[in-house]
């Protein structure tokens, strides 16, 4: 299973050309990718996530009447449905399972809301237990006319869940009640730079640092993170790209904690930063081999980029010492890819 990737996409309902979740076999030595075909037909599964302890995959349905679905994975191409349900909002774009595996939390982008669903002992999707709507707006009248929840980030150590909201320039902190599945504010929301449009946050494996990418101002902000309270204390911020016109999407820390990666749409690049100092230090910026890199994942010695608008997933070898993706990458043509989820040993 560790030689597999599952790829999310946009389907025609969201202007894409995909048909559902695709399984892809990868060669851990060379990085080569081979498609095994669509293994789950579902509407615009633009983001995917694993259950922490079970072979169960979860997907959003990023459409007007948003939904989430659960899939039991029994083999490379055998995905069995374990239920689906409404998120109570429009265009859910991110989801994650809370520690303990009892609840699924999702972010409705267009509605600016956060939904919670109960999970069964087998990972099956149960009833929705909460729907919390953010209020407010930001200075950009086109992109920040209202709240736009964009990511949910549970703390692996059991601290508050962080919810990143692009529309209100804020990171919200919530405790999740184990008995009820309700979200309870853990304190006031954390305001970030006005007009930055925060999109995704990456936690450092040490649990004490985090990196927030601003989609609208093309920056990444470094924070000290208090896991127990979810409080973020800014250390500074840097540009995500040396080129003009960048609209960053995904941000991630390599598992060894030495390097940070940011995907830049518009410039169609991946930026690599060293994390040796107080602030991320720019090392290199490499073309993604396609257009509109919406997401990527580092797997072993390779980095796989979902180039949404050029319909390809491109794999790069990661230099072990420098951390920099090496060209050229190997490409697999897939329609409208939006998310790369590595399989894992379960």
C-alpha atoms as a PDB file:
ATOM      1  CA  UNK A   1       0.000   0.000   0.000  1.00  0.00           C
ATOM      2  CA  UNK A   2       2.865   2.416   0.659  1.00  0.00           C
ATOM      3  CA  UNK A   3       3.576   2.365  -3.100  1.00  0.00           C
ATOM      4  CA  UNK A   4       0.229   4.012  -3.873  1.00  0.00           C
ATOM      5  CA  UNK A   5      -1.154   7.504  -4.214  1.00  0.00           C
ATOM      6  CA  UNK A   6      -4.815   8.486  -4.285  1.00  0.00           C
ATOM      7  CA  UNK A   7      -5.563  11.562  -6.386  1.00  0.00           C
ATOM      8  CA  UNK A   8      -8.535  13.882  -5.901  1.00  0.00           C
ATOM      9  CA  UNK A   9      -9.918  16.034  -8.701  1.00  0.00           C
ATOM     10  CA  UNK A  10     -12.512  18.476  -9.927  1.00  0.00           C
ATOM     11  CA  UNK A  11     -15.386  16.930 -11.877  1.00  0.00           C
ATOM     12  CA  UNK A  12     -17.557  18.782 -14.454  1.00  0.00           C
ATOM     13  CA  UNK A  13     -19.786  20.158 -11.666  1.00  0.00           C
ATOM     14  CA  UNK A  14     -16.844  22.432 -10.737  1.00  0.00           C
ATOM     15  CA  UNK A  15     -15.554  23.011 -14.246  1.00  0.00           C
ATOM     16  CA  UNK A  16     -13.104  20.108 -14.141  1.00  0.00           C
ATOM     17  CA  UNK A  17     -12.666  17.028 -16.286  1.00  0.00           C
ATOM     18  CA  UNK A  18     -12.179  14.327 -13.653  1.00  0.00           C
ATOM     19  CA  UNK A  19     -14.549  11.524 -12.655  1.00  0.00           C
ATOM     20  CA  UNK A  20     -13.606  10.723  -9.063  1.00  0.00           C
ATOM     21  CA  UNK A  21     -10.758   9.375  -6.943  1.00  0.00           C
ATOM     22  CA  UNK A  22      -7.927   7.796  -8.940  1.00  0.00           C
ATOM     23  CA  UNK A  23      -5.443   5.240  -7.604  1.00  0.00           C
ATOM     24  CA  UNK A  24      -1.866   5.595  -8.811  1.00  0.00           C
ATOM     25  CA  UNK A  25       1.002   3.154  -8.299  1.00  0.00           C
ATOM     26  CA  UNK A  26       4.401   4.740  -7.745  1.00  0.00           C
ATOM     27  CA  UNK A  27       7.882   3.274  -7.958  1.00  0.00           C
ATOM     28  CA  UNK A  28       9.635   4.287  -4.697  1.00  0.00           C
ATOM     29  CA  UNK A  29      13.024   4.029  -6.391  1.00  0.00           C
ATOM     30  CA  UNK A  30      12.433   6.036  -9.559  1.00  0.00           C
ATOM     31  CA  UNK A  31       9.295   8.001  -8.710  1.00  0.00           C
ATOM     32  CA  UNK A  32       7.532   6.720 -11.826  1.00  0.00           C
ATOM     33  CA  UNK A  33       3.718   6.881 -11.700  1.00  0.00           C
ATOM     34  CA  UNK A  34       1.194   4.532 -13.331  1.00  0.00           C
ATOM     35  CA  UNK A  35      -2.560   5.067 -13.128  1.00  0.00           C
ATOM     36  CA  UNK A  36      -4.761   2.225 -11.900  1.00  0.00           C
ATOM     37  CA  UNK A  37      -7.891   4.100 -12.944  1.00  0.00           C
ATOM     38  CA  UNK A  38     -10.795   5.736 -11.127  1.00  0.00           C
ATOM     39  CA  UNK A  39     -11.554   3.706  -8.004  1.00  0.00           C
ATOM     40  CA  UNK A  40     -14.380   5.815  -6.550  1.00  0.00           C
ATOM     41  CA  UNK A  41     -16.850   7.810  -8.640  1.00  0.00           C
ATOM     42  CA  UNK A  42     -17.887  10.853  -6.603  1.00  0.00           C
ATOM     43  CA  UNK A  43     -18.528  14.559  -7.206  1.00  0.00           C
ATOM     44  CA  UNK A  44     -15.452  16.807  -7.118  1.00  0.00           C
ATOM     45  CA  UNK A  45     -13.381  15.010  -4.454  1.00  0.00           C
ATOM     46  CA  UNK A  46     -11.019  17.988  -4.309  1.00  0.00           C
ATOM     47  CA  UNK A  47      -9.458  17.015  -0.975  1.00  0.00           C
ATOM     48  CA  UNK A  48      -8.789  13.623   0.619  1.00  0.00           C
ATOM     49  CA  UNK A  49      -7.735  12.461   4.090  1.00  0.00           C
ATOM     50  CA  UNK A  50      -7.072   9.228   6.000  1.00  0.00           C
ATOM     51  CA  UNK A  51      -8.533   7.909   9.220  1.00  0.00           C
ATOM     52  CA  UNK A  52      -5.638   7.836  11.731  1.00  0.00           C
ATOM     53  CA  UNK A  53      -5.887   4.112  12.515  1.00  0.00           C
ATOM     54  CA  UNK A  54      -8.237   2.493   9.984  1.00  0.00           C
ATOM     55  CA  UNK A  55      -7.935   1.830   6.216  1.00  0.00           C
ATOM     56  CA  UNK A  56     -10.661   4.410   5.552  1.00  0.00           C
ATOM     57  CA  UNK A  57     -10.337   7.335   3.166  1.00  0.00           C
ATOM     58  CA  UNK A  58     -12.503  10.481   3.351  1.00  0.00           C
ATOM     59  CA  UNK A  59     -13.309  12.911   0.547  1.00  0.00           C
ATOM     60  CA  UNK A  60     -15.073  16.233   0.249  1.00  0.00           C
ATOM     61  CA  UNK A  61     -17.548  16.894  -2.532  1.00  0.00           C
ATOM     62  CA  UNK A  62     -16.721  20.480  -3.430  1.00  0.00           C
ATOM     63  CA  UNK A  63     -20.033  21.439  -5.046  1.00  0.00           C
ATOM     64  CA  UNK A  64     -22.837  23.918  -4.328  1.00  0.00           C
ATOM     65  CA  UNK A  65     -24.554  21.565  -1.878  1.00  0.00           C
ATOM     66  CA  UNK A  66     -21.405  20.294  -0.265  1.00  0.00           C
ATOM     67  CA  UNK A  67     -20.835  16.822   1.077  1.00  0.00           C
ATOM     68  CA  UNK A  68     -18.325  14.389   2.530  1.00  0.00           C
ATOM     69  CA  UNK A  69     -17.940  10.660   1.944  1.00  0.00           C
ATOM     70  CA  UNK A  70     -16.128   7.710   3.526  1.00  0.00           C
ATOM     71  CA  UNK A  71     -14.509   4.800   1.674  1.00  0.00           C
ATOM     72  CA  UNK A  72     -13.115   1.556   3.082  1.00  0.00           C
ATOM     73  CA  UNK A  73      -9.898   0.650   1.264  1.00  0.00           C
ATOM     74  CA  UNK A  74      -9.491  -3.122   0.961  1.00  0.00           C
ATOM     75  CA  UNK A  75      -6.928  -3.219  -1.842  1.00  0.00           C
ATOM     76  CA  UNK A  76      -5.247  -1.080  -4.466  1.00  0.00           C
ATOM     77  CA  UNK A  77      -8.434  -0.500  -6.424  1.00  0.00           C
ATOM     78  CA  UNK A  78     -11.126  -1.746  -4.035  1.00  0.00           C
ATOM     79  CA  UNK A  79     -12.864   1.196  -2.353  1.00  0.00           C
ATOM     80  CA  UNK A  80     -16.162   0.366  -0.675  1.00  0.00           C
ATOM     81  CA  UNK A  81     -18.523   3.248   0.279  1.00  0.00           C
ATOM     82  CA  UNK A  82     -19.034   3.753   4.014  1.00  0.00           C
ATOM     83  CA  UNK A  83     -21.587   6.533   3.823  1.00  0.00           C
ATOM     84  CA  UNK A  84     -21.910  10.121   2.708  1.00  0.00           C
ATOM     85  CA  UNK A  85     -23.555  13.207   4.118  1.00  0.00           C
ATOM     86  CA  UNK A  86     -24.155  16.920   3.747  1.00  0.00           C
ATOM     87  CA  UNK A  87     -21.707  19.443   5.177  1.00  0.00           C
ATOM     88  CA  UNK A  88     -24.532  21.971   5.494  1.00  0.00           C
ATOM     89  CA  UNK A  89     -22.635  24.444   3.330  1.00  0.00           C
ATOM     90  CA  UNK A  90     -21.244  25.204  -0.103  1.00  0.00           C
ATOM     91  CA  UNK A  91     -17.971  24.046  -1.639  1.00  0.00           C
ATOM     92  CA  UNK A  92     -16.190  22.176   1.171  1.00  0.00           C
ATOM     93  CA  UNK A  93     -12.498  22.263   0.248  1.00  0.00           C
ATOM     94  CA  UNK A  94     -10.710  20.583   3.163  1.00  0.00           C
ATOM     95  CA  UNK A  95     -11.290  17.936   5.803  1.00  0.00           C
ATOM     96  CA  UNK A  96      -9.445  16.041   8.527  1.00  0.00           C
ATOM     97  CA  UNK A  97     -10.164  13.413  11.168  1.00  0.00           C
ATOM     98  CA  UNK A  98      -9.749  14.582  14.751  1.00  0.00           C
ATOM     99  CA  UNK A  99      -7.325  12.645  16.996  1.00  0.00           C
ATOM    100  CA  UNK A 100      -9.035   9.565  18.366  1.00  0.00           C
ATOM    101  CA  UNK A 101     -10.788   8.873  15.078  1.00  0.00           C
ATOM    102  CA  UNK A 102     -14.313   9.628  16.282  1.00  0.00           C
ATOM    103  CA  UNK A 103     -15.092  12.784  14.297  1.00  0.00           C
ATOM    104  CA  UNK A 104     -14.541  14.190  10.810  1.00  0.00           C
ATOM    105  CA  UNK A 105     -14.201  17.982  10.513  1.00  0.00           C
ATOM    106  CA  UNK A 106     -14.612  19.822   7.199  1.00  0.00           C
ATOM    107  CA  UNK A 107     -14.343  23.414   5.956  1.00  0.00           C
ATOM    108  CA  UNK A 108     -17.063  24.911   3.732  1.00  0.00           C
ATOM    109  CA  UNK A 109     -15.282  27.566   1.689  1.00  0.00           C
ATOM    110  CA  UNK A 110     -18.151  29.518   0.130  1.00  0.00           C
ATOM    111  CA  UNK A 111     -20.320  29.375   3.266  1.00  0.00           C
ATOM    112  CA  UNK A 112     -17.485  30.177   5.681  1.00  0.00           C
ATOM    113  CA  UNK A 113     -18.535  27.355   7.987  1.00  0.00           C
ATOM    114  CA  UNK A 114     -17.099  24.317   9.733  1.00  0.00           C
ATOM    115  CA  UNK A 115     -18.968  20.996   9.880  1.00  0.00           C
ATOM    116  CA  UNK A 116     -18.447  17.996  12.158  1.00  0.00           C
ATOM    117  CA  UNK A 117     -19.593  14.422  11.473  1.00  0.00           C
ATOM    118  CA  UNK A 118     -19.530  11.502  13.863  1.00  0.00           C
ATOM    119  CA  UNK A 119     -17.592   8.403  12.770  1.00  0.00           C
ATOM    120  CA  UNK A 120     -18.429   4.811  13.624  1.00  0.00           C
ATOM    121  CA  UNK A 121     -16.048   2.236  15.056  1.00  0.00           C
ATOM    122  CA  UNK A 122     -15.411   1.074  11.496  1.00  0.00           C
ATOM    123  CA  UNK A 123     -14.821   4.634  10.253  1.00  0.00           C
ATOM    124  CA  UNK A 124     -18.232   4.901   8.612  1.00  0.00           C
ATOM    125  CA  UNK A 125     -19.708   8.357   8.286  1.00  0.00           C
ATOM    126  CA  UNK A 126     -22.458   9.134  10.791  1.00  0.00           C
ATOM    127  CA  UNK A 127     -24.672  12.106  11.518  1.00  0.00           C
ATOM    128  CA  UNK A 128     -23.542  15.713  11.449  1.00  0.00           C
ATOM    129  CA  UNK A 129     -23.020  16.866  15.037  1.00  0.00           C
ATOM    130  CA  UNK A 130     -22.209  20.533  14.503  1.00  0.00           C
ATOM    131  CA  UNK A 131     -22.163  23.338  11.946  1.00  0.00           C
ATOM    132  CA  UNK A 132     -20.455  26.528  13.020  1.00  0.00           C
ATOM    133  CA  UNK A 133     -20.580  29.631  10.793  1.00  0.00           C
ATOM    134  CA  UNK A 134     -17.810  32.240  10.857  1.00  0.00           C
ATOM    135  CA  UNK A 135     -18.710  35.927  10.684  1.00  0.00           C
ATOM    136  CA  UNK A 136     -16.744  38.847   9.257  1.00  0.00           C
ATOM    137  CA  UNK A 137     -14.911  40.000   6.151  1.00  0.00           C
ATOM    138  CA  UNK A 138     -11.539  41.292   4.994  1.00  0.00           C
ATOM    139  CA  UNK A 139     -10.238  44.265   2.997  1.00  0.00           C
ATOM    140  CA  UNK A 140     -10.302  42.541  -0.423  1.00  0.00           C
ATOM    141  CA  UNK A 141     -13.871  43.113  -1.708  1.00  0.00           C
ATOM    142  CA  UNK A 142     -13.642  40.330  -4.300  1.00  0.00           C
ATOM    143  CA  UNK A 143     -12.082  37.534  -2.245  1.00  0.00           C
ATOM    144  CA  UNK A 144     -12.899  38.572   1.322  1.00  0.00           C
ATOM    145  CA  UNK A 145     -16.507  39.749   1.092  1.00  0.00           C
ATOM    146  CA  UNK A 146     -17.381  37.198   3.791  1.00  0.00           C
ATOM    147  CA  UNK A 147     -15.850  34.360   5.764  1.00  0.00           C
ATOM    148  CA  UNK A 148     -14.209  31.574   3.728  1.00  0.00           C
ATOM    149  CA  UNK A 149     -13.080  28.626   5.849  1.00  0.00           C
ATOM    150  CA  UNK A 150     -10.230  26.974   3.953  1.00  0.00           C
ATOM    151  CA  UNK A 151      -8.515  24.407   6.185  1.00  0.00           C
ATOM    152  CA  UNK A 152      -8.974  22.433   9.387  1.00  0.00           C
ATOM    153  CA  UNK A 153      -5.791  21.415  11.231  1.00  0.00           C
ATOM    154  CA  UNK A 154      -6.220  19.087  14.217  1.00  0.00           C
ATOM    155  CA  UNK A 155      -3.397  18.975  16.748  1.00  0.00           C
ATOM    156  CA  UNK A 156      -1.892  15.448  16.822  1.00  0.00           C
ATOM    157  CA  UNK A 157      -1.181  16.023  20.511  1.00  0.00           C
ATOM    158  CA  UNK A 158      -4.812  16.676  21.347  1.00  0.00           C
ATOM    159  CA  UNK A 159      -4.755  20.476  21.574  1.00  0.00           C
ATOM    160  CA  UNK A 160      -7.286  22.772  19.883  1.00  0.00           C
ATOM    161  CA  UNK A 161      -8.215  22.328  16.234  1.00  0.00           C
ATOM    162  CA  UNK A 162      -7.030  25.269  14.127  1.00  0.00           C
ATOM    163  CA  UNK A 163      -9.343  26.476  11.350  1.00  0.00           C
ATOM    164  CA  UNK A 164      -7.830  28.800   8.747  1.00  0.00           C
ATOM    165  CA  UNK A 165     -10.244  31.350   7.273  1.00  0.00           C
ATOM    166  CA  UNK A 166      -9.205  33.219   4.122  1.00  0.00           C
ATOM    167  CA  UNK A 167     -12.108  35.659   4.205  1.00  0.00           C
ATOM    168  CA  UNK A 168     -11.653  37.008   7.736  1.00  0.00           C
ATOM    169  CA  UNK A 169      -7.834  36.924   7.863  1.00  0.00           C
ATOM    170  CA  UNK A 170      -8.031  34.747  10.943  1.00  0.00           C
ATOM    171  CA  UNK A 171      -7.147  31.421  12.513  1.00  0.00           C
ATOM    172  CA  UNK A 172      -9.866  30.069  14.801  1.00  0.00           C
ATOM    173  CA  UNK A 173      -9.208  27.711  17.730  1.00  0.00           C
ATOM    174  CA  UNK A 174     -11.746  25.078  18.742  1.00  0.00           C
ATOM    175  CA  UNK A 175     -12.001  22.312  21.296  1.00  0.00           C
ATOM    176  CA  UNK A 176     -14.030  19.341  20.096  1.00  0.00           C
ATOM    177  CA  UNK A 177     -16.306  17.894  22.773  1.00  0.00           C
ATOM    178  CA  UNK A 178     -15.810  14.124  22.759  1.00  0.00           C
ATOM    179  CA  UNK A 179     -19.332  13.324  23.982  1.00  0.00           C
ATOM    180  CA  UNK A 180     -21.331  15.655  21.751  1.00  0.00           C
ATOM    181  CA  UNK A 181     -19.155  16.358  18.714  1.00  0.00           C
ATOM    182  CA  UNK A 182     -19.669  20.085  19.216  1.00  0.00           C
ATOM    183  CA  UNK A 183     -16.999  22.717  18.534  1.00  0.00           C
ATOM    184  CA  UNK A 184     -16.291  25.074  21.441  1.00  0.00           C
ATOM    185  CA  UNK A 185     -14.068  28.167  20.989  1.00  0.00           C
ATOM    186  CA  UNK A 186     -10.773  27.720  22.825  1.00  0.00           C
ATOM    187  CA  UNK A 187     -10.256  31.482  22.895  1.00  0.00           C
ATOM    188  CA  UNK A 188     -10.541  34.497  20.614  1.00  0.00           C
ATOM    189  CA  UNK A 189      -9.649  34.042  16.966  1.00  0.00           C
ATOM    190  CA  UNK A 190      -6.094  34.927  15.991  1.00  0.00           C
ATOM    191  CA  UNK A 191      -6.005  37.818  13.533  1.00  0.00           C
ATOM    192  CA  UNK A 192      -3.276  37.652  10.930  1.00  0.00           C
ATOM    193  CA  UNK A 193      -2.069  40.295   8.475  1.00  0.00           C
ATOM    194  CA  UNK A 194      -4.992  42.159   6.899  1.00  0.00           C
ATOM    195  CA  UNK A 195      -5.553  41.161   3.292  1.00  0.00           C
ATOM    196  CA  UNK A 196      -3.168  38.212   3.441  1.00  0.00           C
ATOM    197  CA  UNK A 197      -5.963  35.700   2.848  1.00  0.00           C
ATOM    198  CA  UNK A 198      -4.613  32.772   4.898  1.00  0.00           C
ATOM    199  CA  UNK A 199      -5.186  29.474   3.116  1.00  0.00           C
ATOM    200  CA  UNK A 200      -3.290  26.568   4.701  1.00  0.00           C
ATOM    201  CA  UNK A 201      -1.114  26.038   7.766  1.00  0.00           C
ATOM    202  CA  UNK A 202       1.696  23.497   8.148  1.00  0.00           C
ATOM    203  CA  UNK A 203       2.720  22.214  11.573  1.00  0.00           C
ATOM    204  CA  UNK A 204       6.370  21.440  12.229  1.00  0.00           C
ATOM    205  CA  UNK A 205       6.918  17.867  13.469  1.00  0.00           C
ATOM    206  CA  UNK A 206       8.346  19.276  16.725  1.00  0.00           C
ATOM    207  CA  UNK A 207       4.843  20.528  17.601  1.00  0.00           C
ATOM    208  CA  UNK A 208       6.184  23.955  18.555  1.00  0.00           C
ATOM    209  CA  UNK A 209       6.255  25.794  15.225  1.00  0.00           C
ATOM    210  CA  UNK A 210       3.833  26.419  12.364  1.00  0.00           C
ATOM    211  CA  UNK A 211       3.845  28.113   8.966  1.00  0.00           C
ATOM    212  CA  UNK A 212       0.817  29.912   7.517  1.00  0.00           C
ATOM    213  CA  UNK A 213       0.595  30.654   3.805  1.00  0.00           C
ATOM    214  CA  UNK A 214      -1.268  33.763   2.600  1.00  0.00           C
ATOM    215  CA  UNK A 215      -2.953  33.173  -0.753  1.00  0.00           C
ATOM    216  CA  UNK A 216      -3.669  36.858  -1.428  1.00  0.00           C
ATOM    217  CA  UNK A 217      -0.322  38.432  -0.479  1.00  0.00           C
ATOM    218  CA  UNK A 218       1.956  35.486  -1.402  1.00  0.00           C
ATOM    219  CA  UNK A 219       3.658  35.216   1.981  1.00  0.00           C
ATOM    220  CA  UNK A 220       4.442  32.506   4.491  1.00  0.00           C
ATOM    221  CA  UNK A 221       4.377  33.541   8.144  1.00  0.00           C
ATOM    222  CA  UNK A 222       6.403  31.672  10.757  1.00  0.00           C
ATOM    223  CA  UNK A 223       4.886  31.182  14.203  1.00  0.00           C
ATOM    224  CA  UNK A 224       5.747  29.735  17.564  1.00  0.00           C
ATOM    225  CA  UNK A 225       2.884  27.402  18.433  1.00  0.00           C
ATOM    226  CA  UNK A 226       1.576  26.607  21.899  1.00  0.00           C
ATOM    227  CA  UNK A 227      -0.030  23.224  21.338  1.00  0.00           C
ATOM    228  CA  UNK A 228      -2.039  23.250  24.546  1.00  0.00           C
ATOM    229  CA  UNK A 229      -3.785  26.547  23.784  1.00  0.00           C
ATOM    230  CA  UNK A 230      -3.413  26.739  20.014  1.00  0.00           C
ATOM    231  CA  UNK A 231      -1.976  30.251  20.354  1.00  0.00           C
ATOM    232  CA  UNK A 232       0.275  31.413  17.510  1.00  0.00           C
ATOM    233  CA  UNK A 233       3.036  33.961  18.149  1.00  0.00           C
ATOM    234  CA  UNK A 234       4.444  35.490  14.982  1.00  0.00           C
ATOM    235  CA  UNK A 235       8.191  35.356  14.348  1.00  0.00           C
ATOM    236  CA  UNK A 236       8.087  37.019  10.917  1.00  0.00           C
ATOM    237  CA  UNK A 237       7.113  36.377   7.323  1.00  0.00           C
ATOM    238  CA  UNK A 238       8.736  36.013   3.918  1.00  0.00           C
ATOM    239  CA  UNK A 239       7.598  35.989   0.287  1.00  0.00           C
ATOM    240  CA  UNK A 240       6.641  32.606  -1.156  1.00  0.00           C
ATOM    241  CA  UNK A 241       8.062  33.386  -4.598  1.00  0.00           C
ATOM    242  CA  UNK A 242      10.766  35.502  -6.193  1.00  0.00           C
ATOM    243  CA  UNK A 243       8.430  36.018  -9.166  1.00  0.00           C
ATOM    244  CA  UNK A 244       5.404  38.298  -9.511  1.00  0.00           C
ATOM    245  CA  UNK A 245       1.851  36.991  -9.705  1.00  0.00           C
ATOM    246  CA  UNK A 246       2.155  34.097  -7.247  1.00  0.00           C
ATOM    247  CA  UNK A 247      -1.002  32.701  -5.633  1.00  0.00           C
ATOM    248  CA  UNK A 248       0.257  30.097  -3.167  1.00  0.00           C
ATOM    249  CA  UNK A 249      -1.815  27.020  -2.436  1.00  0.00           C
ATOM    250  CA  UNK A 250      -0.263  24.211  -0.405  1.00  0.00           C
ATOM    251  CA  UNK A 251       2.436  24.514   2.291  1.00  0.00           C
ATOM    252  CA  UNK A 252       4.159  21.575   3.987  1.00  0.00           C
ATOM    253  CA  UNK A 253       7.153  20.720   6.152  1.00  0.00           C
ATOM    254  CA  UNK A 254       9.290  17.741   5.168  1.00  0.00           C
ATOM    255  CA  UNK A 255       8.895  14.982   7.773  1.00  0.00           C
ATOM    256  CA  UNK A 256      12.448  15.463   9.058  1.00  0.00           C
ATOM    257  CA  UNK A 257      11.622  19.113   9.835  1.00  0.00           C
ATOM    258  CA  UNK A 258      14.517  20.590   7.829  1.00  0.00           C
ATOM    259  CA  UNK A 259      12.688  22.068   4.844  1.00  0.00           C
ATOM    260  CA  UNK A 260       9.473  23.902   3.982  1.00  0.00           C
ATOM    261  CA  UNK A 261       7.757  23.718   0.594  1.00  0.00           C
ATOM    262  CA  UNK A 262       5.184  26.088  -0.929  1.00  0.00           C
ATOM    263  CA  UNK A 263       3.294  25.638  -4.211  1.00  0.00           C
ATOM    264  CA  UNK A 264       2.782  28.857  -6.175  1.00  0.00           C
ATOM    265  CA  UNK A 265      -0.021  29.012  -8.723  1.00  0.00           C
ATOM    266  CA  UNK A 266       0.314  31.688 -11.391  1.00  0.00           C
ATOM    267  CA  UNK A 267       4.107  31.399 -11.350  1.00  0.00           C
ATOM    268  CA  UNK A 268       3.677  27.574 -11.438  1.00  0.00           C
ATOM    269  CA  UNK A 269       6.582  26.875  -9.115  1.00  0.00           C
ATOM    270  CA  UNK A 270       7.533  25.049  -5.925  1.00  0.00           C
ATOM    271  CA  UNK A 271       9.618  27.122  -3.498  1.00  0.00           C
ATOM    272  CA  UNK A 272      11.972  25.415  -1.060  1.00  0.00           C
ATOM    273  CA  UNK A 273      12.954  27.006   2.251  1.00  0.00           C
ATOM    274  CA  UNK A 274      15.453  25.950   4.892  1.00  0.00           C
ATOM    275  CA  UNK A 275      14.139  25.885   8.464  1.00  0.00           C
ATOM    276  CA  UNK A 276      17.505  26.142  10.189  1.00  0.00           C
ATOM    277  CA  UNK A 277      16.949  29.717  11.399  1.00  0.00           C
ATOM    278  CA  UNK A 278      14.192  31.794  13.001  1.00  0.00           C
ATOM    279  CA  UNK A 279      12.559  32.432   9.615  1.00  0.00           C
ATOM    280  CA  UNK A 280      12.262  30.248   6.515  1.00  0.00           C
ATOM    281  CA  UNK A 281      15.275  30.918   4.274  1.00  0.00           C
ATOM    282  CA  UNK A 282      14.671  30.771   0.529  1.00  0.00           C
ATOM    283  CA  UNK A 283      16.793  28.109  -1.185  1.00  0.00           C
ATOM    284  CA  UNK A 284      15.305  27.586  -4.632  1.00  0.00           C
ATOM    285  CA  UNK A 285      12.238  27.925  -6.832  1.00  0.00           C
ATOM    286  CA  UNK A 286      11.574  25.146  -9.347  1.00  0.00           C
ATOM    287  CA  UNK A 287       9.003  25.006 -12.159  1.00  0.00           C
ATOM    288  CA  UNK A 288       6.297  22.397 -11.498  1.00  0.00           C
ATOM    289  CA  UNK A 289       6.242  21.126 -15.062  1.00  0.00           C
ATOM    290  CA  UNK A 290       2.623  22.200 -15.478  1.00  0.00           C
ATOM    291  CA  UNK A 291       0.008  24.818 -14.699  1.00  0.00           C
ATOM    292  CA  UNK A 292      -1.769  25.773 -11.477  1.00  0.00           C
ATOM    293  CA  UNK A 293      -0.171  23.540  -8.809  1.00  0.00           C
ATOM    294  CA  UNK A 294      -3.061  23.198  -6.373  1.00  0.00           C
ATOM    295  CA  UNK A 295      -1.525  20.618  -4.045  1.00  0.00           C
ATOM    296  CA  UNK A 296       1.510  18.407  -3.506  1.00  0.00           C
ATOM    297  CA  UNK A 297       2.806  15.708  -1.183  1.00  0.00           C
ATOM    298  CA  UNK A 298       6.318  14.689  -0.165  1.00  0.00           C
ATOM    299  CA  UNK A 299       6.622  10.880  -0.143  1.00  0.00           C
ATOM    300  CA  UNK A 300       9.957   9.309   0.680  1.00  0.00           C
ATOM    301  CA  UNK A 301      12.548  10.786  -1.659  1.00  0.00           C
ATOM    302  CA  UNK A 302       9.977  12.292  -4.032  1.00  0.00           C
ATOM    303  CA  UNK A 303       7.620  15.243  -4.277  1.00  0.00           C
ATOM    304  CA  UNK A 304       4.385  14.824  -6.268  1.00  0.00           C
ATOM    305  CA  UNK A 305       2.611  17.932  -7.565  1.00  0.00           C
ATOM    306  CA  UNK A 306      -1.017  18.108  -8.750  1.00  0.00           C
ATOM    307  CA  UNK A 307      -0.973  20.560 -11.670  1.00  0.00           C
ATOM    308  CA  UNK A 308      -4.709  21.148 -11.962  1.00  0.00           C
ATOM    309  CA  UNK A 309      -4.977  23.119 -15.198  1.00  0.00           C
ATOM    310  CA  UNK A 310      -2.446  21.134 -17.239  1.00  0.00           C
ATOM    311  CA  UNK A 311      -4.032  17.853 -16.121  1.00  0.00           C
ATOM    312  CA  UNK A 312      -0.924  16.143 -14.779  1.00  0.00           C
ATOM    313  CA  UNK A 313       0.684  14.893 -11.580  1.00  0.00           C
ATOM    314  CA  UNK A 314       4.433  15.494 -11.771  1.00  0.00           C
ATOM    315  CA  UNK A 315       6.971  13.713  -9.577  1.00  0.00           C
ATOM    316  CA  UNK A 316      10.333  15.175  -8.572  1.00  0.00           C
ATOM    317  CA  UNK A 317      13.248  13.587  -6.774  1.00  0.00           C
ATOM    318  CA  UNK A 318      14.087  15.421  -3.542  1.00  0.00           C
ATOM    319  CA  UNK A 319      17.771  15.910  -2.908  1.00  0.00           C
ATOM    320  CA  UNK A 320      18.371  14.454   0.540  1.00  0.00           C
ATOM    321  CA  UNK A 321      20.874  17.106   1.625  1.00  0.00           C
ATOM    322  CA  UNK A 322      19.666  20.305  -0.070  1.00  0.00           C
ATOM    323  CA  UNK A 323      15.954  19.452   0.060  1.00  0.00           C
ATOM    324  CA  UNK A 324      15.479  20.911  -3.424  1.00  0.00           C
ATOM    325  CA  UNK A 325      13.249  19.159  -6.010  1.00  0.00           C
ATOM    326  CA  UNK A 326      15.387  17.981  -8.907  1.00  0.00           C
ATOM    327  CA  UNK A 327      14.435  18.393 -12.543  1.00  0.00           C
ATOM    328  CA  UNK A 328      13.249  16.902 -14.744  1.00  0.00           C
ATOM    329  CA  UNK A 329      10.146  15.410 -13.181  1.00  0.00           C
ATOM    330  CA  UNK A 330       8.145  12.434 -14.451  1.00  0.00           C
ATOM    331  CA  UNK A 331       4.562  13.276 -15.409  1.00  0.00           C
ATOM    332  CA  UNK A 332       1.324  11.282 -15.355  1.00  0.00           C
ATOM    333  CA  UNK A 333      -1.593  12.745 -17.279  1.00  0.00           C
ATOM    334  CA  UNK A 334      -4.740  12.871 -15.122  1.00  0.00           C
ATOM    335  CA  UNK A 335      -7.771  15.144 -15.557  1.00  0.00           C
ATOM    336  CA  UNK A 336      -7.990  18.160 -13.216  1.00  0.00           C
ATOM    337  CA  UNK A 337      -5.967  16.778 -10.265  1.00  0.00           C
ATOM    338  CA  UNK A 338      -6.398  18.717  -7.020  1.00  0.00           C
ATOM    339  CA  UNK A 339      -5.017  16.572  -4.177  1.00  0.00           C
ATOM    340  CA  UNK A 340      -2.281  13.975  -3.660  1.00  0.00           C
ATOM    341  CA  UNK A 341      -2.865  11.566  -0.757  1.00  0.00           C
ATOM    342  CA  UNK A 342      -0.087   9.020  -0.150  1.00  0.00           C
ATOM    343  CA  UNK A 343      -1.236   5.603   0.981  1.00  0.00           C
ATOM    344  CA  UNK A 344       0.135   4.499   4.326  1.00  0.00           C
ATOM    345  CA  UNK A 345       0.619   1.348   6.303  1.00  0.00           C
ATOM    346  CA  UNK A 346      -2.539   0.764   8.347  1.00  0.00           C
END
